[in-house]
Amino acid sequence: MRPAKIDLEAAKALIQWKSLFATEVCERAKRLAAQSGYPDCVTLSHYRMAAKSFSSE
């Protein structure tokens, strides 16, 4: 099976979108950690909750 071709502009947009998503997840995870009383301890659970919060929007 041959790999699918992807338009260069589409690839650039995807990279930008993934970068934005990662930045937003990090920011939300930090806020969740701060709300839990431990702002200096961001856990995997915080990252998971932050990422899942996007699917509920």
N, C-alpha and C. Protein backbone atom coordinates (compact mmCIF):
# COMPACT_ATOMS: atom_id res chain seq x y z
N MET A 1 0.84 -1.17 0.00
CA MET A 1 0.00 0.00 0.00
C MET A 1 0.89 1.24 0.00
N ARG A 2 0.61 2.16 -0.91
CA ARG A 2 1.40 3.39 -1.00
C ARG A 2 0.93 4.39 0.04
N PRO A 3 1.88 5.17 0.57
CA PRO A 3 1.47 6.23 1.51
C PRO A 3 0.65 7.29 0.78
N ALA A 4 -0.28 7.88 1.47
CA ALA A 4 -1.12 8.92 0.88
C ALA A 4 -0.30 10.17 0.63
N LYS A 5 -0.63 10.87 -0.44
CA LYS A 5 0.01 12.14 -0.72
C LYS A 5 -0.74 13.21 0.05
N ILE A 6 0.00 14.20 0.52
CA ILE A 6 -0.63 15.31 1.23
C ILE A 6 -0.08 16.62 0.67
N ASP A 7 -0.97 17.54 0.44
CA ASP A 7 -0.61 18.85 -0.07
C ASP A 7 0.31 19.55 0.92
N LEU A 8 1.30 20.26 0.42
CA LEU A 8 2.26 20.95 1.28
C LEU A 8 1.57 21.95 2.21
N GLU A 9 0.63 22.71 1.69
CA GLU A 9 -0.09 23.69 2.53
C GLU A 9 -0.91 22.98 3.61
N ALA A 10 -1.49 21.84 3.27
CA ALA A 10 -2.25 21.07 4.26
C ALA A 10 -1.32 20.56 5.36
N ALA A 11 -0.14 20.11 4.98
CA ALA A 11 0.82 19.63 5.96
C ALA A 11 1.26 20.76 6.90
N LYS A 12 1.50 21.93 6.33
CA LYS A 12 1.88 23.09 7.16
C LYS A 12 0.76 23.46 8.13
N ALA A 13 -0.48 23.43 7.65
CA ALA A 13 -1.62 23.76 8.50
C ALA A 13 -1.75 22.74 9.62
N LEU A 14 -1.55 21.47 9.31
CA LEU A 14 -1.64 20.42 10.32
C LEU A 14 -0.57 20.60 11.39
N ILE A 15 0.64 20.93 10.98
CA ILE A 15 1.72 21.16 11.94
C ILE A 15 1.38 22.34 12.84
N GLN A 16 0.87 23.40 12.27
CA GLN A 16 0.51 24.58 13.05
C GLN A 16 -0.62 24.24 14.03
N TRP A 17 -1.61 23.49 13.57
CA TRP A 17 -2.74 23.10 14.42
C TRP A 17 -2.27 22.23 15.58
N LYS A 18 -1.41 21.27 15.30
CA LYS A 18 -0.91 20.39 16.36
C LYS A 18 -0.09 21.18 17.38
N SER A 19 0.67 22.14 16.90
CA SER A 19 1.46 22.97 17.80
C SER A 19 0.56 23.81 18.70
N LEU A 20 -0.47 24.39 18.12
CA LEU A 20 -1.42 25.18 18.90
C LEU A 20 -2.13 24.30 19.92
N PHE A 21 -2.55 23.12 19.51
CA PHE A 21 -3.22 22.20 20.40
C PHE A 21 -2.32 21.84 21.59
N ALA A 22 -1.07 21.53 21.29
CA ALA A 22 -0.12 21.17 22.36
C ALA A 22 0.07 22.33 23.33
N THR A 23 0.18 23.54 22.81
CA THR A 23 0.34 24.72 23.66
C THR A 23 -0.88 24.91 24.55
N GLU A 24 -2.07 24.77 23.98
CA GLU A 24 -3.31 24.95 24.74
C GLU A 24 -3.45 23.87 25.80
N VAL A 25 -3.10 22.63 25.47
CA VAL A 25 -3.18 21.54 26.45
C VAL A 25 -2.22 21.82 27.60
N CYS A 26 -1.03 22.28 27.31
CA CYS A 26 -0.06 22.60 28.38
C CYS A 26 -0.59 23.70 29.29
N GLU A 27 -1.15 24.73 28.71
CA GLU A 27 -1.69 25.83 29.51
C GLU A 27 -2.84 25.37 30.39
N ARG A 28 -3.73 24.57 29.83
CA ARG A 28 -4.86 24.06 30.62
C ARG A 28 -4.38 23.12 31.73
N ALA A 29 -3.39 22.31 31.44
CA ALA A 29 -2.85 21.39 32.44
C ALA A 29 -2.22 22.17 33.60
N LYS A 30 -1.53 23.24 33.29
CA LYS A 30 -0.94 24.08 34.33
C LYS A 30 -2.01 24.71 35.20
N ARG A 31 -3.11 25.16 34.57
CA ARG A 31 -4.22 25.75 35.34
C ARG A 31 -4.87 24.70 36.24
N LEU A 32 -5.03 23.49 35.71
CA LEU A 32 -5.61 22.41 36.52
C LEU A 32 -4.71 22.09 37.72
N ALA A 33 -3.41 22.08 37.52
CA ALA A 33 -2.49 21.83 38.62
C ALA A 33 -2.59 22.93 39.66
N ALA A 34 -2.66 24.17 39.22
CA ALA A 34 -2.78 25.29 40.15
C ALA A 34 -4.08 25.20 40.94
N GLN A 35 -5.15 24.80 40.27
CA GLN A 35 -6.45 24.67 40.94
C GLN A 35 -6.43 23.54 41.97
N SER A 36 -5.58 22.56 41.76
CA SER A 36 -5.51 21.44 42.70
C SER A 36 -4.66 21.76 43.91
N GLY A 37 -4.04 22.94 43.90
CA GLY A 37 -3.23 23.36 45.04
C GLY A 37 -1.74 23.09 44.88
N TYR A 38 -1.35 22.50 43.76
CA TYR A 38 0.07 22.20 43.53
C TYR A 38 0.50 22.77 42.18
N PRO A 39 0.67 24.08 42.09
CA PRO A 39 0.97 24.70 40.80
C PRO A 39 2.30 24.27 40.19
N ASP A 40 3.21 23.75 41.00
CA ASP A 40 4.52 23.34 40.48
C ASP A 40 4.58 21.85 40.13
N CYS A 41 3.43 21.18 40.21
CA CYS A 41 3.41 19.74 39.96
C CYS A 41 2.31 19.40 38.96
N VAL A 42 2.66 19.48 37.68
CA VAL A 42 1.72 19.13 36.62
C VAL A 42 1.91 17.65 36.32
N THR A 43 0.83 16.88 36.47
CA THR A 43 0.91 15.43 36.30
C THR A 43 0.34 14.98 34.96
N LEU A 44 0.55 13.73 34.65
CA LEU A 44 -0.01 13.15 33.44
C LEU A 44 -1.53 13.25 33.47
N SER A 45 -2.10 13.09 34.63
CA SER A 45 -3.55 13.21 34.78
C SER A 45 -4.03 14.61 34.39
N HIS A 46 -3.29 15.63 34.77
CA HIS A 46 -3.64 17.00 34.38
C HIS A 46 -3.62 17.15 32.86
N TYR A 47 -2.59 16.59 32.22
CA TYR A 47 -2.50 16.68 30.76
C TYR A 47 -3.65 15.93 30.08
N ARG A 48 -3.99 14.76 30.62
CA ARG A 48 -5.10 13.99 30.05
C ARG A 48 -6.41 14.74 30.18
N MET A 49 -6.66 15.29 31.36
CA MET A 49 -7.90 16.05 31.57
C MET A 49 -7.95 17.26 30.65
N ALA A 50 -6.82 17.93 30.50
CA ALA A 50 -6.77 19.11 29.63
C ALA A 50 -7.04 18.73 28.18
N ALA A 51 -6.45 17.65 27.71
CA ALA A 51 -6.66 17.21 26.32
C ALA A 51 -8.11 16.78 26.11
N LYS A 52 -8.67 16.08 27.08
CA LYS A 52 -10.05 15.61 26.95
C LYS A 52 -11.03 16.78 26.97
N SER A 53 -10.66 17.87 27.62
CA SER A 53 -11.57 19.01 27.69
C SER A 53 -11.84 19.59 26.30
N PHE A 54 -10.94 19.38 25.35
CA PHE A 54 -11.15 19.86 23.99
C PHE A 54 -12.24 19.07 23.28
N SER A 55 -12.36 17.79 23.60
CA SER A 55 -13.36 16.98 22.93
C SER A 55 -14.77 17.29 23.40
N SER A 56 -14.88 17.92 24.56
CA SER A 56 -16.22 18.26 25.08
C SER A 56 -16.66 19.66 24.65
N GLU A 57 -15.82 20.38 23.93
CA GLU A 57 -16.17 21.73 23.49
C GLU A 57 -16.95 21.69 22.19
